[in-house]
Amino acid sequence: MINVVLADDHVLVRDGIKALLEDQTGITVIDEASNGKEALEVISKNKPHVLIVDIRMPEMNGIEVVSEITKNKIDVKTLVLSMHDSEEYVVKSIQAGADGYLLKGASKDEFLKAVYKVAEGGKYFTGDVSSIIMNNFVNGNTNKIVSSKNKIKDTPFKLTKREKQILVLVLELKNNKDIAEELSISKRTAEVHRFNLMKKLDAKNLQELTQKAKEYQLI
């Protein structure tokens, strides 16, 4: 049995991940945390096999939590969740000691693959840059990676392929049920994607979402 602790400051996100994980044989979510400091307290008390931690949280962010776990040699595998697929975030996660890095827009299959992989003692880093980064780390070229991040210019809102699909449908005034049917996903998954999209673009309503989509030419 793989015991998991979830750390994310949004209940909706935690509920979605918990429902996904507990639908699988051999995985159970034993506790949750809503911020970084609480995450450290929870894993100290429960001693889970895997901590799934959001990269952006109050009190302490996900990378800081992972760094504390590494520094104090706490026996737990760490899987960082993020809405950002830039090389800089991945590198910082690796330097902190993360066992995995996964985008929130990942498919169900990829998410489960990442959880099983890190639980077994492996590493899982998503995105096109992961193989380049890992190869450099294996070869000891960490300084080269760290310096190269300064040459990367990230767009304010870098969306995954799935998030772009969701954005288009949301701007077409589709509801979660319609989006789920259009993309052949569950209504719950559609809700989580919509929530993550609004959070990433820091949009409080459809009007703000539309304005930012046009301003930054996201579609």
N, C-alpha and C. Protein backbone atom coordinates (compact mmCIF):
# COMPACT_ATOMS: atom_id res chain seq x y z
N MET A 1 0.83 -1.20 0.00
CA MET A 1 0.00 0.00 0.00
C MET A 1 0.87 1.25 0.00
N ILE A 2 0.59 2.17 -0.93
CA ILE A 2 1.31 3.44 -1.01
C ILE A 2 0.52 4.48 -0.24
N ASN A 3 1.07 4.98 0.86
CA ASN A 3 0.42 6.02 1.66
C ASN A 3 0.84 7.39 1.16
N VAL A 4 -0.14 8.23 0.87
CA VAL A 4 0.12 9.53 0.25
C VAL A 4 -0.43 10.67 1.11
N VAL A 5 0.32 11.77 1.16
CA VAL A 5 -0.16 13.02 1.75
C VAL A 5 -0.25 14.05 0.63
N LEU A 6 -1.35 14.78 0.59
CA LEU A 6 -1.56 15.83 -0.41
C LEU A 6 -1.38 17.20 0.22
N ALA A 7 -0.62 18.06 -0.44
CA ALA A 7 -0.43 19.43 0.06
C ALA A 7 -0.75 20.42 -1.06
N ASP A 8 -1.87 21.11 -0.92
CA ASP A 8 -2.30 22.11 -1.90
C ASP A 8 -3.23 23.07 -1.18
N ASP A 9 -3.15 24.35 -1.49
CA ASP A 9 -3.96 25.32 -0.77
C ASP A 9 -5.39 25.43 -1.29
N HIS A 10 -5.74 24.62 -2.29
CA HIS A 10 -7.10 24.64 -2.82
C HIS A 10 -7.79 23.29 -2.59
N VAL A 11 -8.89 23.34 -1.86
CA VAL A 11 -9.62 22.11 -1.51
C VAL A 11 -10.09 21.38 -2.76
N LEU A 12 -10.54 22.12 -3.77
CA LEU A 12 -11.05 21.50 -4.99
C LEU A 12 -9.98 20.66 -5.66
N VAL A 13 -8.76 21.18 -5.70
CA VAL A 13 -7.66 20.44 -6.31
C VAL A 13 -7.35 19.18 -5.50
N ARG A 14 -7.30 19.32 -4.19
CA ARG A 14 -7.03 18.16 -3.34
C ARG A 14 -8.11 17.10 -3.50
N ASP A 15 -9.35 17.54 -3.55
CA ASP A 15 -10.46 16.59 -3.70
C ASP A 15 -10.36 15.82 -5.01
N GLY A 16 -9.98 16.54 -6.08
CA GLY A 16 -9.86 15.89 -7.38
C GLY A 16 -8.74 14.85 -7.40
N ILE A 17 -7.59 15.21 -6.83
CA ILE A 17 -6.45 14.29 -6.78
C ILE A 17 -6.78 13.10 -5.89
N LYS A 18 -7.41 13.37 -4.75
CA LYS A 18 -7.76 12.29 -3.82
C LYS A 18 -8.69 11.29 -4.47
N ALA A 19 -9.70 11.79 -5.19
CA ALA A 19 -10.65 10.91 -5.87
C ALA A 19 -9.95 10.05 -6.91
N LEU A 20 -9.00 10.66 -7.63
CA LEU A 20 -8.24 9.92 -8.64
C LEU A 20 -7.39 8.83 -8.02
N LEU A 21 -6.66 9.16 -6.96
CA LEU A 21 -5.75 8.21 -6.34
C LEU A 21 -6.48 7.07 -5.64
N GLU A 22 -7.53 7.41 -4.92
CA GLU A 22 -8.22 6.38 -4.13
C GLU A 22 -9.09 5.48 -4.98
N ASP A 23 -9.17 5.80 -6.26
CA ASP A 23 -9.86 4.91 -7.20
C ASP A 23 -8.94 3.78 -7.65
N GLN A 24 -7.65 3.88 -7.26
CA GLN A 24 -6.65 2.89 -7.65
C GLN A 24 -6.38 1.91 -6.51
N THR A 25 -6.17 0.66 -6.87
CA THR A 25 -5.82 -0.35 -5.88
C THR A 25 -4.39 -0.11 -5.40
N GLY A 26 -4.19 -0.10 -4.08
CA GLY A 26 -2.84 0.02 -3.55
C GLY A 26 -2.40 1.42 -3.21
N ILE A 27 -3.30 2.42 -3.36
CA ILE A 27 -2.95 3.80 -3.00
C ILE A 27 -4.00 4.34 -2.05
N THR A 28 -3.58 4.99 -0.98
CA THR A 28 -4.53 5.63 -0.07
C THR A 28 -3.98 6.98 0.36
N VAL A 29 -4.85 7.98 0.42
CA VAL A 29 -4.49 9.32 0.89
C VAL A 29 -4.75 9.35 2.39
N ILE A 30 -3.68 9.45 3.18
CA ILE A 30 -3.82 9.34 4.64
C ILE A 30 -3.98 10.70 5.32
N ASP A 31 -3.63 11.79 4.63
CA ASP A 31 -3.81 13.11 5.24
C ASP A 31 -3.60 14.19 4.18
N GLU A 32 -3.98 15.42 4.54
CA GLU A 32 -3.87 16.55 3.62
C GLU A 32 -3.33 17.77 4.36
N ALA A 33 -2.79 18.72 3.57
CA ALA A 33 -2.28 19.97 4.13
C ALA A 33 -2.63 21.10 3.18
N SER A 34 -2.86 22.29 3.75
CA SER A 34 -3.26 23.44 2.93
C SER A 34 -2.15 24.47 2.76
N ASN A 35 -1.00 24.23 3.39
CA ASN A 35 0.15 25.13 3.20
C ASN A 35 1.44 24.37 3.47
N GLY A 36 2.57 25.02 3.20
CA GLY A 36 3.85 24.34 3.31
C GLY A 36 4.22 23.91 4.72
N LYS A 37 4.01 24.77 5.68
CA LYS A 37 4.36 24.43 7.06
C LYS A 37 3.50 23.28 7.57
N GLU A 38 2.24 23.32 7.22
CA GLU A 38 1.34 22.24 7.63
C GLU A 38 1.76 20.93 6.98
N ALA A 39 2.25 20.99 5.76
CA ALA A 39 2.70 19.79 5.06
C ALA A 39 3.82 19.10 5.82
N LEU A 40 4.78 19.90 6.31
CA LEU A 40 5.90 19.33 7.07
C LEU A 40 5.41 18.71 8.38
N GLU A 41 4.44 19.35 9.01
CA GLU A 41 3.88 18.81 10.25
C GLU A 41 3.16 17.49 10.00
N VAL A 42 2.40 17.45 8.93
CA VAL A 42 1.60 16.27 8.59
C VAL A 42 2.49 15.06 8.25
N ILE A 43 3.55 15.29 7.46
CA ILE A 43 4.39 14.15 7.10
C ILE A 43 5.22 13.68 8.30
N SER A 44 5.53 14.60 9.21
CA SER A 44 6.26 14.22 10.42
C SER A 44 5.40 13.31 11.29
N LYS A 45 4.11 13.59 11.31
CA LYS A 45 3.18 12.82 12.13
C LYS A 45 2.79 11.50 11.48
N ASN A 46 2.59 11.51 10.17
CA ASN A 46 2.04 10.33 9.49
C ASN A 46 3.07 9.44 8.78
N LYS A 47 4.23 10.02 8.48
CA LYS A 47 5.29 9.28 7.79
C LYS A 47 4.78 8.56 6.53
N PRO A 48 4.30 9.31 5.55
CA PRO A 48 3.79 8.71 4.31
C PRO A 48 4.93 8.24 3.41
N HIS A 49 4.59 7.47 2.40
CA HIS A 49 5.58 7.06 1.41
C HIS A 49 5.83 8.19 0.40
N VAL A 50 4.75 8.90 0.04
CA VAL A 50 4.86 9.94 -0.99
C VAL A 50 4.14 11.21 -0.54
N LEU A 51 4.80 12.36 -0.75
CA LEU A 51 4.17 13.67 -0.56
C LEU A 51 3.96 14.28 -1.94
N ILE A 52 2.71 14.58 -2.25
CA ILE A 52 2.39 15.29 -3.49
C ILE A 52 2.15 16.74 -3.10
N VAL A 53 3.01 17.64 -3.58
CA VAL A 53 3.00 19.01 -3.08
C VAL A 53 2.91 20.04 -4.20
N ASP A 54 1.99 20.99 -4.04
CA ASP A 54 1.84 22.08 -4.99
C ASP A 54 3.04 23.00 -4.91
N ILE A 55 3.46 23.53 -6.04
CA ILE A 55 4.65 24.38 -6.05
C ILE A 55 4.36 25.76 -5.47
N ARG A 56 3.09 26.21 -5.53
CA ARG A 56 2.73 27.53 -5.02
C ARG A 56 1.73 27.38 -3.88
N MET A 57 2.20 27.67 -2.66
CA MET A 57 1.36 27.60 -1.47
C MET A 57 1.75 28.70 -0.50
N PRO A 58 0.84 29.07 0.41
CA PRO A 58 1.20 30.05 1.45
C PRO A 58 2.12 29.43 2.49
N GLU A 59 2.68 30.27 3.33
CA GLU A 59 3.61 29.86 4.39
C GLU A 59 4.96 29.43 3.81
N MET A 60 4.97 28.29 3.09
CA MET A 60 6.17 27.80 2.39
C MET A 60 5.71 27.23 1.05
N ASN A 61 6.46 27.51 -0.02
CA ASN A 61 6.08 26.93 -1.30
C ASN A 61 6.58 25.49 -1.41
N GLY A 62 6.17 24.82 -2.46
CA GLY A 62 6.51 23.41 -2.62
C GLY A 62 8.00 23.12 -2.67
N ILE A 63 8.75 23.98 -3.35
CA ILE A 63 10.19 23.77 -3.46
C ILE A 63 10.86 23.94 -2.09
N GLU A 64 10.39 24.89 -1.30
CA GLU A 64 10.93 25.09 0.05
C GLU A 64 10.63 23.88 0.94
N VAL A 65 9.44 23.31 0.78
CA VAL A 65 9.07 22.12 1.54
C VAL A 65 9.99 20.96 1.19
N VAL A 66 10.19 20.75 -0.11
CA VAL A 66 11.07 19.67 -0.56
C VAL A 66 12.49 19.88 -0.05
N SER A 67 12.95 21.13 -0.07
CA SER A 67 14.29 21.44 0.41
C SER A 67 14.45 21.09 1.89
N GLU A 68 13.42 21.39 2.69
CA GLU A 68 13.44 21.07 4.12
C GLU A 68 13.48 19.55 4.33
N ILE A 69 12.71 18.84 3.53
CA ILE A 69 12.68 17.38 3.62
C ILE A 69 14.05 16.79 3.30
N THR A 70 14.68 17.32 2.26
CA THR A 70 16.01 16.85 1.87
C THR A 70 17.05 17.18 2.93
N LYS A 71 17.00 18.42 3.42
CA LYS A 71 17.98 18.88 4.42
C LYS A 71 17.90 18.06 5.71
N ASN A 72 16.68 17.73 6.10
CA ASN A 72 16.49 16.99 7.36
C ASN A 72 16.42 15.47 7.16
N LYS A 73 16.68 15.04 5.92
CA LYS A 73 16.73 13.61 5.59
C LYS A 73 15.47 12.86 6.05
N ILE A 74 14.32 13.47 5.75
CA ILE A 74 13.04 12.84 6.07
C ILE A 74 12.74 11.78 5.02
N ASP A 75 12.36 10.61 5.47
CA ASP A 75 12.16 9.47 4.57
C ASP A 75 10.79 9.52 3.90
N VAL A 76 10.67 10.36 2.87
CA VAL A 76 9.44 10.45 2.09
C VAL A 76 9.80 10.86 0.67
N LYS A 77 9.15 10.27 -0.31
CA LYS A 77 9.35 10.64 -1.71
C LYS A 77 8.51 11.87 -2.01
N THR A 78 9.02 12.76 -2.85
CA THR A 78 8.32 14.01 -3.12
C THR A 78 8.01 14.19 -4.61
N LEU A 79 6.74 14.47 -4.89
CA LEU A 79 6.29 14.74 -6.25
C LEU A 79 5.72 16.15 -6.28
N VAL A 80 6.40 17.04 -6.99
CA VAL A 80 6.00 18.44 -7.07
C VAL A 80 4.97 18.62 -8.19
N LEU A 81 3.86 19.30 -7.86
CA LEU A 81 2.85 19.63 -8.86
C LEU A 81 2.98 21.11 -9.22
N SER A 82 2.86 21.40 -10.51
CA SER A 82 3.03 22.79 -10.95
C SER A 82 2.20 23.09 -12.18
N MET A 83 1.88 24.36 -12.36
CA MET A 83 1.23 24.80 -13.59
C MET A 83 2.28 25.32 -14.57
N HIS A 84 3.55 25.28 -14.17
CA HIS A 84 4.63 25.85 -14.99
C HIS A 84 5.55 24.74 -15.51
N ASP A 85 5.83 24.77 -16.80
CA ASP A 85 6.74 23.76 -17.37
C ASP A 85 8.06 24.38 -17.82
N SER A 86 8.44 25.51 -17.22
CA SER A 86 9.71 26.15 -17.58
C SER A 86 10.87 25.37 -16.99
N GLU A 87 12.02 25.45 -17.65
CA GLU A 87 13.22 24.74 -17.19
C GLU A 87 13.63 25.21 -15.80
N GLU A 88 13.44 26.49 -15.54
CA GLU A 88 13.87 27.05 -14.25
C GLU A 88 13.18 26.37 -13.08
N TYR A 89 11.86 26.20 -13.17
CA TYR A 89 11.13 25.56 -12.08
C TYR A 89 11.56 24.11 -11.90
N VAL A 90 11.74 23.41 -13.00
CA VAL A 90 12.15 22.01 -12.92
C VAL A 90 13.53 21.90 -12.28
N VAL A 91 14.45 22.76 -12.69
CA VAL A 91 15.81 22.75 -12.14
C VAL A 91 15.79 23.03 -10.64
N LYS A 92 15.03 24.03 -10.23
CA LYS A 92 14.95 24.35 -8.80
C LYS A 92 14.39 23.18 -8.01
N SER A 93 13.43 22.48 -8.59
CA SER A 93 12.85 21.32 -7.91
C SER A 93 13.87 20.21 -7.75
N ILE A 94 14.65 19.98 -8.81
CA ILE A 94 15.69 18.94 -8.76
C ILE A 94 16.74 19.32 -7.72
N GLN A 95 17.16 20.58 -7.73
CA GLN A 95 18.16 21.03 -6.77
C GLN A 95 17.68 20.90 -5.34
N ALA A 96 16.37 21.07 -5.14
CA ALA A 96 15.81 20.94 -3.80
C ALA A 96 15.75 19.49 -3.36
N GLY A 97 15.79 18.57 -4.35
CA GLY A 97 15.78 17.14 -4.02
C GLY A 97 14.49 16.43 -4.38
N ALA A 98 13.64 17.05 -5.20
CA ALA A 98 12.37 16.42 -5.59
C ALA A 98 12.60 15.14 -6.37
N ASP A 99 11.73 14.18 -6.14
CA ASP A 99 11.80 12.91 -6.88
C ASP A 99 11.00 12.97 -8.17
N GLY A 100 10.11 13.95 -8.26
CA GLY A 100 9.31 14.07 -9.48
C GLY A 100 8.74 15.46 -9.64
N TYR A 101 8.39 15.80 -10.87
CA TYR A 101 7.82 17.11 -11.19
C TYR A 101 6.76 16.88 -12.26
N LEU A 102 5.52 17.27 -11.95
CA LEU A 102 4.41 16.97 -12.85
C LEU A 102 3.52 18.19 -13.03
N LEU A 103 3.07 18.41 -14.26
CA LEU A 103 2.17 19.51 -14.53
C LEU A 103 0.75 19.15 -14.11
N LYS A 104 0.01 20.13 -13.61
CA LYS A 104 -1.36 19.88 -13.17
C LYS A 104 -2.28 19.52 -14.33
N GLY A 105 -1.87 19.84 -15.54
CA GLY A 105 -2.68 19.49 -16.69
C GLY A 105 -2.39 18.10 -17.24
N ALA A 106 -1.59 17.32 -16.52
CA ALA A 106 -1.22 15.98 -16.98
C ALA A 106 -2.45 15.07 -17.04
N SER A 107 -2.37 14.06 -17.88
CA SER A 107 -3.47 13.09 -17.98
C SER A 107 -3.50 12.20 -16.75
N LYS A 108 -4.60 11.50 -16.58
CA LYS A 108 -4.75 10.57 -15.46
C LYS A 108 -3.66 9.52 -15.49
N ASP A 109 -3.40 8.97 -16.67
CA ASP A 109 -2.39 7.91 -16.80
C ASP A 109 -1.00 8.42 -16.43
N GLU A 110 -0.66 9.63 -16.88
CA GLU A 110 0.67 10.17 -16.56
C GLU A 110 0.79 10.46 -15.07
N PHE A 111 -0.29 10.96 -14.48
CA PHE A 111 -0.27 11.26 -13.06
C PHE A 111 -0.01 10.00 -12.23
N LEU A 112 -0.74 8.94 -12.54
CA LEU A 112 -0.57 7.69 -11.81
C LEU A 112 0.81 7.09 -12.05
N LYS A 113 1.29 7.21 -13.28
CA LYS A 113 2.63 6.71 -13.60
C LYS A 113 3.67 7.42 -12.75
N ALA A 114 3.52 8.73 -12.58
CA ALA A 114 4.47 9.51 -11.78
C ALA A 114 4.43 9.09 -10.31
N VAL A 115 3.23 8.88 -9.78
CA VAL A 115 3.09 8.48 -8.37
C VAL A 115 3.74 7.13 -8.13
N TYR A 116 3.43 6.16 -8.98
CA TYR A 116 4.01 4.82 -8.83
C TYR A 116 5.53 4.86 -8.99
N LYS A 117 5.99 5.67 -9.94
CA LYS A 117 7.43 5.74 -10.22
C LYS A 117 8.21 6.26 -9.01
N VAL A 118 7.77 7.37 -8.44
CA VAL A 118 8.51 7.93 -7.30
C VAL A 118 8.35 7.06 -6.06
N ALA A 119 7.18 6.43 -5.91
CA ALA A 119 6.96 5.55 -4.76
C ALA A 119 7.92 4.37 -4.78
N GLU A 120 8.27 3.93 -5.98
CA GLU A 120 9.19 2.80 -6.15
C GLU A 120 10.66 3.22 -6.04
N GLY A 121 10.89 4.51 -5.84
CA GLY A 121 12.26 4.99 -5.71
C GLY A 121 12.84 5.57 -6.98
N GLY A 122 12.00 5.71 -8.02
CA GLY A 122 12.47 6.26 -9.29
C GLY A 122 12.27 7.76 -9.36
N LYS A 123 12.57 8.33 -10.52
CA LYS A 123 12.41 9.77 -10.76
C LYS A 123 11.43 9.97 -11.90
N TYR A 124 10.62 11.03 -11.82
CA TYR A 124 9.70 11.33 -12.91
C TYR A 124 9.60 12.84 -13.10
N PHE A 125 10.11 13.31 -14.25
CA PHE A 125 10.05 14.73 -14.57
C PHE A 125 9.38 14.92 -15.92
N THR A 126 8.31 15.68 -15.92
CA THR A 126 7.52 15.85 -17.12
C THR A 126 8.09 16.94 -18.04
N GLY A 127 7.58 16.99 -19.26
CA GLY A 127 7.93 18.06 -20.18
C GLY A 127 9.07 17.72 -21.12
N ASP A 128 9.17 18.49 -22.19
CA ASP A 128 10.18 18.25 -23.21
C ASP A 128 11.60 18.48 -22.71
N VAL A 129 11.77 19.32 -21.69
CA VAL A 129 13.13 19.63 -21.22
C VAL A 129 13.64 18.62 -20.20
N SER A 130 12.77 17.73 -19.75
CA SER A 130 13.16 16.82 -18.65
C SER A 130 14.36 15.95 -19.01
N SER A 131 14.37 15.38 -20.21
CA SER A 131 15.48 14.50 -20.57
C SER A 131 16.80 15.27 -20.66
N ILE A 132 16.75 16.49 -21.17
CA ILE A 132 17.95 17.32 -21.27
C ILE A 132 18.47 17.65 -19.88
N ILE A 133 17.56 18.05 -19.00
CA ILE A 133 17.94 18.42 -17.64
C ILE A 133 18.53 17.23 -16.91
N MET A 134 17.85 16.10 -16.97
CA MET A 134 18.31 14.92 -16.25
C MET A 134 19.66 14.44 -16.76
N ASN A 135 19.86 14.50 -18.08
CA ASN A 135 21.15 14.09 -18.66
C ASN A 135 22.27 14.98 -18.16
N ASN A 136 22.00 16.27 -18.07
CA ASN A 136 23.01 17.20 -17.57
C ASN A 136 23.33 16.95 -16.11
N PHE A 137 22.31 16.64 -15.33
CA PHE A 137 22.54 16.37 -13.92
C PHE A 137 23.33 15.08 -13.74
N VAL A 138 22.99 14.08 -14.52
CA VAL A 138 23.70 12.80 -14.43
C VAL A 138 25.17 12.98 -14.79
N ASN A 139 25.44 13.88 -15.76
CA ASN A 139 26.81 14.11 -16.20
C ASN A 139 27.54 15.15 -15.35
N GLY A 140 26.84 15.66 -14.34
CA GLY A 140 27.48 16.62 -13.43
C GLY A 140 27.52 18.04 -13.95
N ASN A 141 26.75 18.35 -15.00
CA ASN A 141 26.79 19.68 -15.58
C ASN A 141 25.71 20.58 -14.99
N THR A 142 25.58 20.60 -13.67
CA THR A 142 24.51 21.38 -13.03
C THR A 142 24.71 22.87 -13.21
N ASN A 143 25.94 23.34 -13.19
CA ASN A 143 26.18 24.78 -13.32
C ASN A 143 25.73 25.29 -14.68
N LYS A 144 25.93 24.45 -15.69
CA LYS A 144 25.53 24.82 -17.03
C LYS A 144 24.02 25.00 -17.11
N ILE A 145 23.30 24.12 -16.43
CA ILE A 145 21.85 24.20 -16.45
C ILE A 145 21.37 25.45 -15.73
N VAL A 146 21.93 25.68 -14.54
CA VAL A 146 21.51 26.82 -13.75
C VAL A 146 21.75 28.13 -14.47
N SER A 147 22.91 28.25 -15.13
CA SER A 147 23.21 29.49 -15.84
C SER A 147 22.35 29.65 -17.07
N SER A 148 21.97 28.53 -17.70
CA SER A 148 21.19 28.62 -18.93
C SER A 148 19.78 29.13 -18.67
N LYS A 149 19.29 29.01 -17.44
CA LYS A 149 17.92 29.43 -17.16
C LYS A 149 17.78 30.94 -17.35
N ASN A 150 18.88 31.68 -17.17
CA ASN A 150 18.81 33.13 -17.33
C ASN A 150 18.55 33.55 -18.77
N LYS A 151 18.76 32.62 -19.70
CA LYS A 151 18.53 32.93 -21.11
C LYS A 151 17.11 32.62 -21.54
N ILE A 152 16.34 31.99 -20.64
CA ILE A 152 14.98 31.60 -20.97
C ILE A 152 14.04 32.74 -20.61
N LYS A 153 13.25 33.14 -21.54
CA LYS A 153 12.28 34.19 -21.29
C LYS A 153 10.89 33.56 -21.30
N ASP A 154 10.31 33.39 -20.11
CA ASP A 154 9.00 32.76 -20.00
C ASP A 154 7.90 33.76 -20.31
N THR A 155 6.88 33.30 -21.01
CA THR A 155 5.70 34.12 -21.20
C THR A 155 4.97 34.21 -19.87
N PRO A 156 4.20 35.28 -19.63
CA PRO A 156 3.51 35.42 -18.34
C PRO A 156 2.60 34.23 -18.03
N PHE A 157 1.95 33.69 -19.07
CA PHE A 157 1.04 32.58 -18.87
C PHE A 157 1.32 31.51 -19.92
N LYS A 158 2.10 30.54 -19.55
CA LYS A 158 2.44 29.48 -20.48
C LYS A 158 1.49 28.31 -20.26
N LEU A 159 0.65 28.06 -21.25
CA LEU A 159 -0.38 27.04 -21.11
C LEU A 159 0.03 25.72 -21.74
N THR A 160 -0.44 24.65 -21.14
CA THR A 160 -0.23 23.33 -21.73
C THR A 160 -1.22 23.15 -22.88
N LYS A 161 -1.03 22.11 -23.66
CA LYS A 161 -1.93 21.84 -24.78
C LYS A 161 -3.36 21.66 -24.28
N ARG A 162 -3.52 20.92 -23.18
CA ARG A 162 -4.85 20.68 -22.63
C ARG A 162 -5.48 21.98 -22.13
N GLU A 163 -4.69 22.82 -21.49
CA GLU A 163 -5.21 24.09 -20.98
C GLU A 163 -5.67 25.00 -22.11
N LYS A 164 -4.96 24.96 -23.24
CA LYS A 164 -5.38 25.76 -24.40
C LYS A 164 -6.72 25.26 -24.92
N GLN A 165 -6.89 23.92 -24.92
CA GLN A 165 -8.16 23.35 -25.36
C GLN A 165 -9.29 23.79 -24.44
N ILE A 166 -9.02 23.74 -23.13
CA ILE A 166 -10.02 24.15 -22.14
C ILE A 166 -10.36 25.63 -22.31
N LEU A 167 -9.32 26.45 -22.50
CA LEU A 167 -9.51 27.89 -22.63
C LEU A 167 -10.42 28.21 -23.81
N VAL A 168 -10.18 27.59 -24.94
CA VAL A 168 -11.00 27.82 -26.13
C VAL A 168 -12.47 27.50 -25.85
N LEU A 169 -12.69 26.36 -25.19
CA LEU A 169 -14.07 25.93 -24.92
C LEU A 169 -14.74 26.83 -23.88
N VAL A 170 -13.98 27.27 -22.88
CA VAL A 170 -14.54 28.18 -21.87
C VAL A 170 -14.95 29.50 -22.52
N LEU A 171 -14.10 29.99 -23.42
CA LEU A 171 -14.40 31.26 -24.09
C LEU A 171 -15.56 31.11 -25.07
N GLU A 172 -15.87 29.87 -25.43
CA GLU A 172 -17.06 29.59 -26.26
C GLU A 172 -18.30 29.42 -25.38
N LEU A 173 -18.13 29.69 -24.07
CA LEU A 173 -19.21 29.64 -23.08
C LEU A 173 -19.72 28.22 -22.85
N LYS A 174 -18.84 27.23 -23.05
CA LYS A 174 -19.21 25.85 -22.76
C LYS A 174 -19.15 25.62 -21.25
N ASN A 175 -20.11 24.85 -20.72
CA ASN A 175 -20.06 24.51 -19.30
C ASN A 175 -19.19 23.27 -19.09
N ASN A 176 -19.00 22.88 -17.83
CA ASN A 176 -18.09 21.77 -17.54
C ASN A 176 -18.55 20.45 -18.17
N LYS A 177 -19.84 20.24 -18.20
CA LYS A 177 -20.38 19.02 -18.80
C LYS A 177 -20.07 18.97 -20.30
N ASP A 178 -20.28 20.11 -20.98
CA ASP A 178 -20.00 20.19 -22.42
C ASP A 178 -18.51 19.98 -22.70
N ILE A 179 -17.66 20.58 -21.86
CA ILE A 179 -16.21 20.45 -22.03
C ILE A 179 -15.79 19.00 -21.84
N ALA A 180 -16.36 18.35 -20.84
CA ALA A 180 -16.04 16.94 -20.57
C ALA A 180 -16.39 16.07 -21.76
N GLU A 181 -17.56 16.29 -22.34
CA GLU A 181 -17.99 15.50 -23.50
C GLU A 181 -17.12 15.79 -24.72
N GLU A 182 -16.77 17.05 -24.90
CA GLU A 182 -15.96 17.47 -26.06
C GLU A 182 -14.57 16.83 -26.03
N LEU A 183 -13.97 16.74 -24.82
CA LEU A 183 -12.60 16.26 -24.69
C LEU A 183 -12.52 14.81 -24.19
N SER A 184 -13.67 14.19 -24.01
CA SER A 184 -13.73 12.79 -23.54
C SER A 184 -13.03 12.63 -22.18
N ILE A 185 -13.36 13.54 -21.28
CA ILE A 185 -12.83 13.47 -19.92
C ILE A 185 -14.01 13.54 -18.95
N SER A 186 -13.76 13.30 -17.68
CA SER A 186 -14.84 13.36 -16.70
C SER A 186 -15.19 14.82 -16.39
N LYS A 187 -16.41 15.01 -15.87
CA LYS A 187 -16.83 16.36 -15.50
C LYS A 187 -15.94 16.91 -14.40
N ARG A 188 -15.53 16.04 -13.47
CA ARG A 188 -14.64 16.44 -12.37
C ARG A 188 -13.31 16.95 -12.92
N THR A 189 -12.75 16.24 -13.91
CA THR A 189 -11.48 16.65 -14.52
C THR A 189 -11.63 18.00 -15.21
N ALA A 190 -12.76 18.19 -15.88
CA ALA A 190 -13.03 19.46 -16.56
C ALA A 190 -13.08 20.60 -15.55
N GLU A 191 -13.71 20.34 -14.39
CA GLU A 191 -13.80 21.34 -13.34
C GLU A 191 -12.42 21.73 -12.81
N VAL A 192 -11.57 20.72 -12.60
CA VAL A 192 -10.23 20.97 -12.09
C VAL A 192 -9.41 21.77 -13.09
N HIS A 193 -9.50 21.39 -14.38
CA HIS A 193 -8.77 22.11 -15.43
C HIS A 193 -9.22 23.57 -15.49
N ARG A 194 -10.52 23.80 -15.41
CA ARG A 194 -11.06 25.16 -15.47
C ARG A 194 -10.55 25.98 -14.27
N PHE A 195 -10.58 25.35 -13.10
CA PHE A 195 -10.12 26.02 -11.88
C PHE A 195 -8.64 26.38 -12.00
N ASN A 196 -7.82 25.42 -12.44
CA ASN A 196 -6.38 25.67 -12.59
C ASN A 196 -6.10 26.78 -13.60
N LEU A 197 -6.90 26.80 -14.67
CA LEU A 197 -6.73 27.81 -15.71
C LEU A 197 -7.02 29.21 -15.15
N MET A 198 -8.10 29.32 -14.39
CA MET A 198 -8.45 30.62 -13.80
C MET A 198 -7.37 31.06 -12.81
N LYS A 199 -6.83 30.09 -12.06
CA LYS A 199 -5.79 30.41 -11.08
C LYS A 199 -4.50 30.84 -11.78
N LYS A 200 -4.13 30.13 -12.83
CA LYS A 200 -2.88 30.45 -13.52
C LYS A 200 -2.94 31.85 -14.14
N LEU A 201 -4.07 32.20 -14.73
CA LEU A 201 -4.22 33.51 -15.37
C LEU A 201 -4.66 34.59 -14.38
N ASP A 202 -4.85 34.19 -13.12
CA ASP A 202 -5.27 35.11 -12.07
C ASP A 202 -6.53 35.86 -12.50
N ALA A 203 -7.48 35.09 -13.03
CA ALA A 203 -8.74 35.68 -13.51
C ALA A 203 -9.88 35.29 -12.56
N LYS A 204 -10.66 36.29 -12.14
CA LYS A 204 -11.74 36.05 -11.19
C LYS A 204 -13.06 35.70 -11.87
N ASN A 205 -13.16 36.03 -13.15
CA ASN A 205 -14.40 35.75 -13.88
C ASN A 205 -14.12 35.61 -15.36
N LEU A 206 -15.16 35.32 -16.13
CA LEU A 206 -15.00 35.09 -17.56
C LEU A 206 -14.52 36.34 -18.28
N GLN A 207 -14.96 37.50 -17.85
CA GLN A 207 -14.54 38.75 -18.49
C GLN A 207 -13.03 38.94 -18.37
N GLU A 208 -12.48 38.72 -17.16
CA GLU A 208 -11.03 38.86 -16.96
C GLU A 208 -10.27 37.81 -17.75
N LEU A 209 -10.82 36.60 -17.79
CA LEU A 209 -10.18 35.53 -18.54
C LEU A 209 -10.11 35.88 -20.02
N THR A 210 -11.18 36.42 -20.55
CA THR A 210 -11.24 36.82 -21.97
C THR A 210 -10.23 37.93 -22.26
N GLN A 211 -10.15 38.91 -21.37
CA GLN A 211 -9.23 40.03 -21.55
C GLN A 211 -7.78 39.57 -21.58
N LYS A 212 -7.42 38.68 -20.67
CA LYS A 212 -6.04 38.21 -20.59
C LYS A 212 -5.70 37.29 -21.76
N ALA A 213 -6.66 36.50 -22.20
CA ALA A 213 -6.44 35.62 -23.34
C ALA A 213 -6.13 36.45 -24.60
N LYS A 214 -6.83 37.57 -24.74
CA LYS A 214 -6.60 38.46 -25.90
C LYS A 214 -5.29 39.23 -25.74
N GLU A 215 -5.07 39.74 -24.53
CA GLU A 215 -3.88 40.57 -24.27
C GLU A 215 -2.58 39.81 -24.52
N TYR A 216 -2.56 38.54 -24.09
CA TYR A 216 -1.32 37.75 -24.20
C TYR A 216 -1.37 36.77 -25.37
N GLN A 217 -2.40 36.88 -26.20
CA GLN A 217 -2.51 36.05 -27.41
C GLN A 217 -2.32 34.57 -27.06
N LEU A 218 -3.12 34.11 -26.12
CA LEU A 218 -2.99 32.75 -25.64
C LEU A 218 -3.69 31.73 -26.55
N ILE A 219 -4.55 32.22 -27.43
CA ILE A 219 -5.24 31.30 -28.34
C ILE A 219 -5.18 31.85 -29.75
